[in-house]
């Protein structure tokens, strides 16, 4: 079995023509984009909170892994579950 590439999740901040600005651990990073990645992020930029899988060295996005990597999906689901529970507990 192929070893899965290590990744981290970053918060999508700003979309630019050639790169995306993300936040990881309270630091901004500028990550270069392909045309396909740019087109996808244009669709997502209106969402209130978007998490993107980023390589550990912060040099590129791992968007192709969103639908195919169970580790990425599990990480996103864990984050969404934690966010949902904190919102619901605040409203109570």
Protein backbone atom coordinates (compact mmCIF):
# COMPACT_ATOMS: atom_id res chain seq x y z
CA UNK A 1 0.00 0.00 0.00
CA UNK A 2 1.25 3.45 -0.92
CA UNK A 3 2.21 5.68 2.01
CA UNK A 4 -0.05 8.72 2.25
CA UNK A 5 1.60 12.10 2.06
CA UNK A 6 1.59 14.11 5.26
CA UNK A 7 -0.65 17.15 5.20
CA UNK A 8 -2.01 19.89 7.37
CA UNK A 9 -5.21 21.91 7.16
CA UNK A 10 -5.09 25.63 6.47
CA UNK A 11 -7.77 28.30 6.58
CA UNK A 12 -8.48 29.88 3.19
CA UNK A 13 -8.04 33.67 3.48
CA UNK A 14 -7.62 35.32 0.06
CA UNK A 15 -7.56 34.25 -3.57
CA UNK A 16 -5.11 35.96 -5.95
CA UNK A 17 -4.51 35.33 -9.68
CA UNK A 18 -1.37 33.24 -9.09
CA UNK A 19 -1.60 32.15 -5.45
CA UNK A 20 -3.86 31.65 -2.46
CA UNK A 21 -3.22 33.11 0.98
CA UNK A 22 -3.92 30.70 3.82
CA UNK A 23 -3.53 30.82 7.60
CA UNK A 24 -1.81 28.06 9.55
CA UNK A 25 -0.87 28.41 13.20
CA UNK A 26 -1.51 32.17 13.11
CA UNK A 27 0.90 32.67 10.20
CA UNK A 28 0.00 33.63 6.63
CA UNK A 29 1.39 31.59 3.75
CA UNK A 30 1.16 32.23 0.01
CA UNK A 31 0.79 29.03 -1.99
CA UNK A 32 1.04 28.96 -5.81
CA UNK A 33 -2.02 27.74 -7.72
CA UNK A 34 -2.71 25.93 -10.96
CA UNK A 35 -5.53 27.18 -13.20
CA UNK A 36 -7.75 24.29 -12.05
CA UNK A 37 -7.11 25.03 -8.38
CA UNK A 38 -7.83 28.72 -8.95
CA UNK A 39 -11.16 27.88 -10.66
CA UNK A 40 -12.20 25.64 -7.76
CA UNK A 41 -11.24 28.20 -5.13
CA UNK A 42 -13.23 30.88 -6.96
CA UNK A 43 -16.31 28.77 -6.26
CA UNK A 44 -15.39 28.32 -2.59
CA UNK A 45 -14.27 31.84 -1.71
CA UNK A 46 -17.77 33.01 -0.69
CA UNK A 47 -18.07 30.34 1.98
CA UNK A 48 -17.62 31.58 5.57
CA UNK A 49 -14.93 29.03 6.50
CA UNK A 50 -12.94 26.89 4.08
CA UNK A 51 -10.19 24.52 5.17
CA UNK A 52 -7.69 23.41 2.56
CA UNK A 53 -5.32 20.43 2.71
CA UNK A 54 -1.76 21.71 2.31
CA UNK A 55 1.51 19.81 2.07
CA UNK A 56 3.50 19.77 5.32
CA UNK A 57 6.19 21.96 3.76
CA UNK A 58 3.45 24.49 2.84
CA UNK A 59 4.56 24.59 -0.80
CA UNK A 60 1.40 23.35 -2.53
CA UNK A 61 -2.27 22.50 -2.07
CA UNK A 62 -3.53 18.93 -1.98
CA UNK A 63 -6.98 19.62 -3.43
CA UNK A 64 -6.93 16.46 -5.50
CA UNK A 65 -6.95 14.52 -2.24
CA UNK A 66 -10.18 16.05 -0.90
CA UNK A 67 -12.42 13.40 -2.41
CA UNK A 68 -10.03 10.47 -2.54
CA UNK A 69 -8.08 10.43 0.72
CA UNK A 70 -9.91 9.06 3.77
CA UNK A 71 -7.39 10.79 6.09
CA UNK A 72 -8.30 14.23 4.69
CA UNK A 73 -12.03 13.51 4.88
CA UNK A 74 -11.70 12.23 8.46
CA UNK A 75 -9.73 15.33 9.48
CA UNK A 76 -12.32 17.64 7.89
CA UNK A 77 -15.20 15.75 9.49
CA UNK A 78 -13.52 15.91 12.91
CA UNK A 79 -13.05 19.65 12.52
CA UNK A 80 -16.64 20.20 11.35
CA UNK A 81 -17.97 18.08 14.23
CA UNK A 82 -16.00 20.12 16.74
CA UNK A 83 -17.16 23.39 15.16
CA UNK A 84 -20.79 22.24 15.14
CA UNK A 85 -20.69 21.18 18.79
CA UNK A 86 -19.14 24.48 19.90
CA UNK A 87 -21.77 26.45 17.98
CA UNK A 88 -24.61 24.42 19.41
CA UNK A 89 -23.27 24.70 22.96
CA UNK A 90 -22.90 28.46 22.59
CA UNK A 91 -26.50 28.77 21.45
CA UNK A 92 -27.80 26.79 24.42
